[in-house]
Amino acid sequence: MTEHEGYIKMVVGKTLTNLFFTKQDGPHDYMPGISPAYYFATILELDNDKKFQFGNDFIIDWKDQEPTITLTNENWALPKTLVFQGQKIVNLTKDEHEQLTFHLENGTTIAHTIDYGNQLFIKNEKVLDKEITVSDSTFLKAVQAWWQKLFCSE
């Protein structure tokens, strides 16, 4: 059994009951013009029981080394309509760079990357960042019309 197959056996078919993160250490590696890098651990809780720390290319048992903060839509600036808690993990993929991505039954994906510091991405292509209301839609149309008049010649 490959390492990836072992990870699949650990998580696929289980319900994600919670996500946690450790206090973000940083900022580090400051370079002018680029946001500073932060470092943190991400932990998933499955079936209200087992906790695993995961990164871009690994999943290990969480040993309670550090205090954790429960990840919510509010403290991670996620859309209120994005649901990850209570969702079954239906797949765990690995790309050509060994990046692991969790796929939930509602289409949400979760990935912890280390491109520049640690980053956690939770997204669902079906969920908009913000619901567009009629007034927002009217405003958007006005901005588009203004932009076309300003930059497009007829």
N, C-alpha and C. Protein backbone atom coordinates (compact mmCIF):
# COMPACT_ATOMS: atom_id res chain seq x y z
N MET A 1 0.85 -1.17 0.00
CA MET A 1 0.00 0.00 0.00
C MET A 1 0.90 1.24 0.00
N THR A 2 0.59 2.19 -0.89
CA THR A 2 1.36 3.44 -0.94
C THR A 2 0.96 4.35 0.21
N GLU A 3 1.78 5.35 0.45
CA GLU A 3 1.47 6.32 1.51
C GLU A 3 0.13 7.00 1.23
N HIS A 4 -0.11 7.39 -0.03
CA HIS A 4 -1.36 8.04 -0.40
C HIS A 4 -2.55 7.11 -0.16
N GLU A 5 -2.42 5.85 -0.50
CA GLU A 5 -3.50 4.89 -0.25
C GLU A 5 -3.78 4.76 1.24
N GLY A 6 -2.74 4.82 2.05
CA GLY A 6 -2.92 4.79 3.51
C GLY A 6 -3.69 6.01 4.00
N TYR A 7 -3.36 7.17 3.44
CA TYR A 7 -4.08 8.39 3.80
C TYR A 7 -5.56 8.29 3.41
N ILE A 8 -5.81 7.75 2.22
CA ILE A 8 -7.19 7.57 1.76
C ILE A 8 -7.95 6.70 2.75
N LYS A 9 -7.34 5.61 3.17
CA LYS A 9 -7.98 4.69 4.12
C LYS A 9 -8.27 5.40 5.45
N MET A 10 -7.41 6.34 5.86
CA MET A 10 -7.58 7.07 7.12
C MET A 10 -8.77 8.02 7.09
N VAL A 11 -9.05 8.66 5.94
CA VAL A 11 -10.01 9.77 5.95
C VAL A 11 -11.24 9.61 5.06
N VAL A 12 -11.13 8.92 3.94
CA VAL A 12 -12.26 8.84 3.01
C VAL A 12 -13.38 7.99 3.64
N GLY A 13 -14.59 8.51 3.53
CA GLY A 13 -15.75 7.86 4.12
C GLY A 13 -16.06 8.35 5.52
N LYS A 14 -15.18 9.15 6.09
CA LYS A 14 -15.38 9.71 7.43
C LYS A 14 -16.04 11.08 7.31
N THR A 15 -16.70 11.50 8.39
CA THR A 15 -17.34 12.80 8.41
C THR A 15 -16.43 13.82 9.07
N LEU A 16 -16.23 14.94 8.40
CA LEU A 16 -15.43 16.04 8.94
C LEU A 16 -16.30 16.79 9.94
N THR A 17 -16.00 16.64 11.22
CA THR A 17 -16.82 17.31 12.24
C THR A 17 -16.26 18.66 12.65
N ASN A 18 -14.98 18.88 12.45
CA ASN A 18 -14.40 20.17 12.82
C ASN A 18 -13.04 20.37 12.17
N LEU A 19 -12.68 21.61 12.00
CA LEU A 19 -11.33 21.99 11.57
C LEU A 19 -10.77 22.92 12.63
N PHE A 20 -9.48 22.78 12.90
CA PHE A 20 -8.80 23.62 13.87
C PHE A 20 -7.50 24.12 13.26
N PHE A 21 -6.97 25.19 13.82
CA PHE A 21 -5.64 25.65 13.44
C PHE A 21 -4.92 26.13 14.69
N THR A 22 -3.61 26.11 14.64
CA THR A 22 -2.82 26.63 15.75
C THR A 22 -2.59 28.12 15.52
N LYS A 23 -2.19 28.81 16.56
CA LYS A 23 -1.92 30.24 16.44
C LYS A 23 -0.91 30.46 15.32
N GLN A 24 -1.21 31.43 14.49
CA GLN A 24 -0.33 31.70 13.36
C GLN A 24 0.95 32.36 13.85
N ASP A 25 2.04 31.69 13.62
CA ASP A 25 3.35 32.18 14.03
C ASP A 25 3.89 33.09 12.94
N GLY A 26 4.22 34.28 13.31
CA GLY A 26 4.76 35.17 12.30
C GLY A 26 4.35 36.59 12.59
N PRO A 27 4.51 37.49 11.69
CA PRO A 27 4.95 37.26 10.33
C PRO A 27 6.46 37.01 10.23
N HIS A 28 6.84 36.26 9.22
CA HIS A 28 8.23 35.95 8.93
C HIS A 28 8.52 36.27 7.48
N ASP A 29 9.78 36.26 7.15
CA ASP A 29 10.22 36.38 5.76
C ASP A 29 9.63 37.59 5.05
N TYR A 30 9.59 38.71 5.73
CA TYR A 30 9.00 39.89 5.12
C TYR A 30 9.83 40.39 3.95
N MET A 31 9.16 40.59 2.82
CA MET A 31 9.78 41.18 1.64
C MET A 31 8.89 42.33 1.18
N PRO A 32 9.44 43.49 0.92
CA PRO A 32 8.62 44.63 0.49
C PRO A 32 7.74 44.26 -0.70
N GLY A 33 6.48 44.64 -0.62
CA GLY A 33 5.55 44.38 -1.71
C GLY A 33 4.85 43.04 -1.64
N ILE A 34 5.27 42.17 -0.73
CA ILE A 34 4.65 40.85 -0.59
C ILE A 34 4.17 40.71 0.85
N SER A 35 2.98 40.18 1.04
CA SER A 35 2.48 39.96 2.40
C SER A 35 3.44 39.05 3.14
N PRO A 36 3.60 39.26 4.45
CA PRO A 36 4.51 38.41 5.22
C PRO A 36 4.00 36.98 5.34
N ALA A 37 4.92 36.04 5.49
CA ALA A 37 4.56 34.63 5.61
C ALA A 37 4.18 34.30 7.05
N TYR A 38 3.19 33.43 7.21
CA TYR A 38 2.77 32.94 8.52
C TYR A 38 2.87 31.42 8.52
N TYR A 39 3.06 30.85 9.70
CA TYR A 39 3.19 29.39 9.84
C TYR A 39 2.22 28.90 10.90
N PHE A 40 1.49 27.83 10.59
CA PHE A 40 0.53 27.27 11.52
C PHE A 40 0.25 25.83 11.14
N ALA A 41 -0.34 25.09 12.06
CA ALA A 41 -0.75 23.71 11.79
C ALA A 41 -2.26 23.69 11.58
N THR A 42 -2.73 22.78 10.74
CA THR A 42 -4.15 22.60 10.49
C THR A 42 -4.53 21.20 10.94
N ILE A 43 -5.63 21.10 11.68
CA ILE A 43 -6.05 19.83 12.26
C ILE A 43 -7.50 19.57 11.85
N LEU A 44 -7.78 18.34 11.42
CA LEU A 44 -9.17 17.98 11.14
C LEU A 44 -9.63 16.95 12.16
N GLU A 45 -10.89 17.07 12.54
CA GLU A 45 -11.51 16.12 13.46
C GLU A 45 -12.52 15.31 12.66
N LEU A 46 -12.41 13.99 12.75
CA LEU A 46 -13.29 13.11 12.00
C LEU A 46 -14.22 12.35 12.94
N ASP A 47 -15.49 12.28 12.58
CA ASP A 47 -16.49 11.52 13.33
C ASP A 47 -16.52 11.87 14.81
N ASN A 48 -16.34 13.16 15.14
CA ASN A 48 -16.34 13.64 16.54
C ASN A 48 -15.35 12.90 17.41
N ASP A 49 -14.27 12.39 16.84
CA ASP A 49 -13.39 11.54 17.62
C ASP A 49 -11.92 11.76 17.29
N LYS A 50 -11.48 11.26 16.19
CA LYS A 50 -10.06 11.22 15.83
C LYS A 50 -9.61 12.55 15.22
N LYS A 51 -8.42 13.03 15.65
CA LYS A 51 -7.87 14.26 15.10
C LYS A 51 -6.56 13.96 14.37
N PHE A 52 -6.44 14.59 13.19
CA PHE A 52 -5.24 14.45 12.37
C PHE A 52 -4.73 15.83 11.98
N GLN A 53 -3.42 16.01 12.04
CA GLN A 53 -2.80 17.20 11.49
C GLN A 53 -2.52 16.90 10.03
N PHE A 54 -2.77 17.88 9.16
CA PHE A 54 -2.46 17.67 7.76
C PHE A 54 -1.75 18.88 7.19
N GLY A 55 -0.91 18.60 6.22
CA GLY A 55 -0.18 19.65 5.52
C GLY A 55 -0.33 19.44 4.04
N ASN A 56 0.56 20.02 3.28
CA ASN A 56 0.44 19.90 1.83
C ASN A 56 0.61 18.47 1.35
N ASP A 57 1.44 17.66 2.03
CA ASP A 57 1.71 16.30 1.53
C ASP A 57 1.75 15.25 2.63
N PHE A 58 1.13 15.51 3.77
CA PHE A 58 1.16 14.52 4.85
C PHE A 58 -0.11 14.60 5.70
N ILE A 59 -0.41 13.49 6.37
CA ILE A 59 -1.46 13.42 7.38
C ILE A 59 -0.89 12.59 8.52
N ILE A 60 -0.90 13.15 9.73
CA ILE A 60 -0.38 12.43 10.90
C ILE A 60 -1.35 12.59 12.07
N ASP A 61 -1.26 11.70 13.04
CA ASP A 61 -2.07 11.83 14.25
C ASP A 61 -1.74 13.15 14.94
N TRP A 62 -2.76 13.84 15.43
CA TRP A 62 -2.55 15.07 16.19
C TRP A 62 -2.27 14.69 17.63
N LYS A 63 -1.19 15.19 18.16
CA LYS A 63 -0.74 14.82 19.50
C LYS A 63 -1.01 15.91 20.53
N ASP A 64 -1.87 16.87 20.23
CA ASP A 64 -2.18 17.96 21.16
C ASP A 64 -0.94 18.72 21.61
N GLN A 65 -0.03 18.98 20.70
CA GLN A 65 1.20 19.68 21.05
C GLN A 65 0.95 21.15 21.40
N GLU A 66 -0.02 21.76 20.78
CA GLU A 66 -0.26 23.19 20.95
C GLU A 66 -1.75 23.44 21.12
N PRO A 67 -2.10 24.57 21.74
CA PRO A 67 -3.52 24.93 21.80
C PRO A 67 -4.06 25.17 20.39
N THR A 68 -5.32 24.86 20.18
CA THR A 68 -5.93 25.03 18.86
C THR A 68 -7.08 26.02 18.92
N ILE A 69 -7.40 26.56 17.78
CA ILE A 69 -8.53 27.48 17.61
C ILE A 69 -9.47 26.81 16.61
N THR A 70 -10.76 26.75 16.95
CA THR A 70 -11.74 26.16 16.04
C THR A 70 -11.90 27.08 14.83
N LEU A 71 -11.79 26.50 13.65
CA LEU A 71 -11.92 27.27 12.42
C LEU A 71 -13.40 27.47 12.12
N THR A 72 -13.79 28.72 11.89
CA THR A 72 -15.17 29.05 11.54
C THR A 72 -15.18 29.88 10.26
N ASN A 73 -16.36 30.03 9.69
CA ASN A 73 -16.48 30.87 8.51
C ASN A 73 -16.07 32.31 8.82
N GLU A 74 -16.36 32.75 10.05
CA GLU A 74 -16.06 34.13 10.43
C GLU A 74 -14.56 34.35 10.63
N ASN A 75 -13.89 33.47 11.40
CA ASN A 75 -12.49 33.75 11.69
C ASN A 75 -11.55 33.38 10.54
N TRP A 76 -12.07 32.76 9.50
CA TRP A 76 -11.25 32.45 8.33
C TRP A 76 -11.73 33.22 7.10
N ALA A 77 -12.66 34.15 7.31
CA ALA A 77 -13.21 35.01 6.25
C ALA A 77 -13.76 34.19 5.08
N LEU A 78 -14.54 33.17 5.42
CA LEU A 78 -15.19 32.34 4.40
C LEU A 78 -16.62 32.81 4.20
N PRO A 79 -17.18 32.59 3.02
CA PRO A 79 -18.60 32.92 2.82
C PRO A 79 -19.46 32.17 3.82
N LYS A 80 -20.50 32.83 4.32
CA LYS A 80 -21.38 32.19 5.32
C LYS A 80 -22.06 30.94 4.77
N THR A 81 -22.22 30.88 3.45
CA THR A 81 -22.91 29.75 2.84
C THR A 81 -21.99 28.56 2.55
N LEU A 82 -20.70 28.73 2.79
CA LEU A 82 -19.74 27.63 2.56
C LEU A 82 -19.79 26.67 3.74
N VAL A 83 -20.15 25.42 3.46
CA VAL A 83 -20.30 24.42 4.52
C VAL A 83 -19.20 23.38 4.41
N PHE A 84 -18.50 23.14 5.51
CA PHE A 84 -17.51 22.07 5.55
C PHE A 84 -17.75 21.15 6.74
N GLN A 85 -18.28 21.66 7.84
CA GLN A 85 -18.55 20.81 9.00
C GLN A 85 -19.72 19.89 8.72
N GLY A 86 -19.60 18.64 9.19
CA GLY A 86 -20.66 17.67 9.00
C GLY A 86 -20.70 17.05 7.62
N GLN A 87 -19.70 17.31 6.81
CA GLN A 87 -19.65 16.77 5.46
C GLN A 87 -18.74 15.54 5.41
N LYS A 88 -19.16 14.57 4.63
CA LYS A 88 -18.37 13.35 4.46
C LYS A 88 -17.24 13.61 3.47
N ILE A 89 -16.06 13.09 3.78
CA ILE A 89 -14.92 13.17 2.85
C ILE A 89 -15.10 12.07 1.82
N VAL A 90 -15.24 12.44 0.55
CA VAL A 90 -15.50 11.46 -0.50
C VAL A 90 -14.26 11.12 -1.32
N ASN A 91 -13.22 11.96 -1.23
CA ASN A 91 -12.01 11.66 -1.98
C ASN A 91 -10.84 12.45 -1.39
N LEU A 92 -9.66 11.94 -1.61
CA LEU A 92 -8.42 12.62 -1.23
C LEU A 92 -7.49 12.48 -2.43
N THR A 93 -7.23 13.59 -3.09
CA THR A 93 -6.40 13.54 -4.29
C THR A 93 -5.00 14.07 -4.00
N LYS A 94 -4.08 13.70 -4.86
CA LYS A 94 -2.70 14.16 -4.78
C LYS A 94 -2.28 14.56 -6.19
N ASP A 95 -1.78 15.78 -6.33
CA ASP A 95 -1.38 16.24 -7.66
C ASP A 95 0.09 15.92 -7.94
N GLU A 96 0.59 16.40 -9.07
CA GLU A 96 1.96 16.10 -9.48
C GLU A 96 3.02 16.69 -8.55
N HIS A 97 2.61 17.63 -7.69
CA HIS A 97 3.53 18.22 -6.72
C HIS A 97 3.34 17.64 -5.32
N GLU A 98 2.61 16.52 -5.24
CA GLU A 98 2.32 15.82 -3.98
C GLU A 98 1.32 16.56 -3.10
N GLN A 99 0.68 17.62 -3.60
CA GLN A 99 -0.29 18.40 -2.84
C GLN A 99 -1.55 17.58 -2.61
N LEU A 100 -1.93 17.40 -1.34
CA LEU A 100 -3.15 16.69 -0.98
C LEU A 100 -4.33 17.65 -0.97
N THR A 101 -5.47 17.20 -1.48
CA THR A 101 -6.70 17.98 -1.45
C THR A 101 -7.83 17.07 -1.00
N PHE A 102 -8.55 17.50 0.04
CA PHE A 102 -9.72 16.77 0.54
C PHE A 102 -10.93 17.23 -0.26
N HIS A 103 -11.76 16.28 -0.68
CA HIS A 103 -12.99 16.58 -1.41
C HIS A 103 -14.17 16.13 -0.56
N LEU A 104 -15.08 17.07 -0.26
CA LEU A 104 -16.24 16.78 0.56
C LEU A 104 -17.45 16.50 -0.30
N GLU A 105 -18.45 15.86 0.29
CA GLU A 105 -19.62 15.42 -0.47
C GLU A 105 -20.40 16.57 -1.10
N ASN A 106 -20.30 17.78 -0.57
CA ASN A 106 -21.03 18.91 -1.14
C ASN A 106 -20.23 19.70 -2.17
N GLY A 107 -19.05 19.19 -2.55
CA GLY A 107 -18.23 19.86 -3.55
C GLY A 107 -17.15 20.78 -2.98
N THR A 108 -17.11 20.94 -1.67
CA THR A 108 -16.09 21.77 -1.03
C THR A 108 -14.74 21.05 -1.06
N THR A 109 -13.68 21.80 -1.29
CA THR A 109 -12.32 21.24 -1.25
C THR A 109 -11.51 21.96 -0.18
N ILE A 110 -10.58 21.22 0.41
CA ILE A 110 -9.72 21.76 1.47
C ILE A 110 -8.29 21.37 1.15
N ALA A 111 -7.40 22.37 1.14
CA ALA A 111 -5.98 22.11 0.89
C ALA A 111 -5.13 23.04 1.74
N HIS A 112 -4.08 22.49 2.32
CA HIS A 112 -3.11 23.26 3.11
C HIS A 112 -1.83 23.32 2.28
N THR A 113 -1.46 24.51 1.85
CA THR A 113 -0.28 24.65 1.00
C THR A 113 0.87 25.30 1.75
N ILE A 114 2.06 25.16 1.20
CA ILE A 114 3.25 25.78 1.80
C ILE A 114 4.06 26.54 0.76
N ASP A 115 3.38 27.17 -0.18
CA ASP A 115 4.08 27.91 -1.23
C ASP A 115 4.92 29.05 -0.66
N TYR A 116 4.36 29.83 0.23
CA TYR A 116 5.05 30.95 0.88
C TYR A 116 4.44 31.05 2.26
N GLY A 117 5.07 30.42 3.24
CA GLY A 117 4.43 30.25 4.54
C GLY A 117 3.34 29.20 4.39
N ASN A 118 2.47 29.09 5.37
CA ASN A 118 1.35 28.15 5.30
C ASN A 118 0.11 28.89 4.84
N GLN A 119 -0.68 28.22 4.02
CA GLN A 119 -1.96 28.77 3.58
C GLN A 119 -2.98 27.65 3.58
N LEU A 120 -4.19 27.96 4.00
CA LEU A 120 -5.27 26.99 4.01
C LEU A 120 -6.36 27.50 3.08
N PHE A 121 -6.73 26.66 2.11
CA PHE A 121 -7.76 27.02 1.15
C PHE A 121 -8.96 26.11 1.35
N ILE A 122 -10.11 26.72 1.60
CA ILE A 122 -11.37 26.00 1.70
C ILE A 122 -12.30 26.68 0.71
N LYS A 123 -12.71 25.94 -0.31
CA LYS A 123 -13.55 26.59 -1.32
C LYS A 123 -14.53 25.61 -1.94
N ASN A 124 -15.55 26.18 -2.51
CA ASN A 124 -16.55 25.43 -3.24
C ASN A 124 -16.94 26.31 -4.42
N GLU A 125 -16.69 25.84 -5.62
CA GLU A 125 -16.93 26.64 -6.82
C GLU A 125 -18.41 27.03 -6.96
N LYS A 126 -19.30 26.30 -6.30
CA LYS A 126 -20.73 26.59 -6.40
C LYS A 126 -21.16 27.71 -5.46
N VAL A 127 -20.31 28.05 -4.49
CA VAL A 127 -20.65 29.06 -3.48
C VAL A 127 -19.97 30.37 -3.84
N LEU A 128 -20.76 31.42 -4.00
CA LEU A 128 -20.22 32.74 -4.28
C LEU A 128 -19.68 33.34 -3.00
N ASP A 129 -18.70 34.22 -3.12
CA ASP A 129 -18.18 34.92 -1.94
C ASP A 129 -19.25 35.77 -1.28
N LYS A 130 -20.18 36.24 -2.07
CA LYS A 130 -21.21 37.13 -1.55
C LYS A 130 -22.45 36.95 -2.41
N GLU A 131 -23.59 36.90 -1.76
CA GLU A 131 -24.81 36.81 -2.53
C GLU A 131 -25.07 38.17 -3.18
N ILE A 132 -25.40 38.16 -4.46
CA ILE A 132 -25.66 39.41 -5.18
C ILE A 132 -27.13 39.75 -5.04
N THR A 133 -27.40 40.95 -4.55
CA THR A 133 -28.78 41.39 -4.39
C THR A 133 -29.14 42.25 -5.60
N VAL A 134 -30.41 42.62 -5.69
CA VAL A 134 -30.85 43.43 -6.81
C VAL A 134 -30.09 44.75 -6.84
N SER A 135 -29.91 45.39 -5.68
CA SER A 135 -29.20 46.66 -5.68
C SER A 135 -27.74 46.47 -6.09
N ASP A 136 -27.11 45.37 -5.65
CA ASP A 136 -25.74 45.10 -6.06
C ASP A 136 -25.67 44.89 -7.57
N SER A 137 -26.65 44.17 -8.10
CA SER A 137 -26.68 43.89 -9.52
C SER A 137 -26.80 45.19 -10.32
N THR A 138 -27.65 46.09 -9.87
CA THR A 138 -27.82 47.38 -10.53
C THR A 138 -26.52 48.17 -10.47
N PHE A 139 -25.88 48.16 -9.34
CA PHE A 139 -24.61 48.85 -9.18
C PHE A 139 -23.56 48.27 -10.13
N LEU A 140 -23.50 46.94 -10.22
CA LEU A 140 -22.54 46.30 -11.11
C LEU A 140 -22.77 46.70 -12.56
N LYS A 141 -24.04 46.76 -12.96
CA LYS A 141 -24.36 47.15 -14.34
C LYS A 141 -23.92 48.59 -14.60
N ALA A 142 -24.12 49.46 -13.62
CA ALA A 142 -23.71 50.86 -13.77
C ALA A 142 -22.19 50.96 -13.90
N VAL A 143 -21.46 50.20 -13.10
CA VAL A 143 -20.00 50.21 -13.17
C VAL A 143 -19.53 49.69 -14.52
N GLN A 144 -20.16 48.62 -15.00
CA GLN A 144 -19.79 48.07 -16.31
C GLN A 144 -20.05 49.08 -17.42
N ALA A 145 -21.18 49.77 -17.36
CA ALA A 145 -21.50 50.77 -18.38
C ALA A 145 -20.49 51.92 -18.34
N TRP A 146 -20.16 52.37 -17.14
CA TRP A 146 -19.17 53.44 -16.98
C TRP A 146 -17.82 53.00 -17.54
N TRP A 147 -17.40 51.78 -17.22
CA TRP A 147 -16.11 51.24 -17.67
C TRP A 147 -16.06 51.19 -19.20
N GLN A 148 -17.15 50.71 -19.81
CA GLN A 148 -17.19 50.63 -21.27
C GLN A 148 -17.11 52.01 -21.91
N LYS A 149 -17.83 52.98 -21.34
CA LYS A 149 -17.78 54.34 -21.89
C LYS A 149 -16.38 54.94 -21.75
N LEU A 150 -15.74 54.64 -20.64
CA LEU A 150 -14.44 55.22 -20.36
C LEU A 150 -13.34 54.61 -21.22
N PHE A 151 -13.36 53.29 -21.38
CA PHE A 151 -12.23 52.61 -22.02
C PHE A 151 -12.52 51.96 -23.37
N CYS A 152 -13.75 51.85 -23.73
CA CYS A 152 -14.07 51.19 -25.00
C CYS A 152 -14.61 52.21 -25.99
N SER A 153 -14.06 52.19 -27.17
CA SER A 153 -14.58 53.09 -28.20
C SER A 153 -15.60 52.33 -29.02
N GLU A 154 -16.63 53.04 -29.45
CA GLU A 154 -17.67 52.39 -30.23
C GLU A 154 -17.51 52.68 -31.69
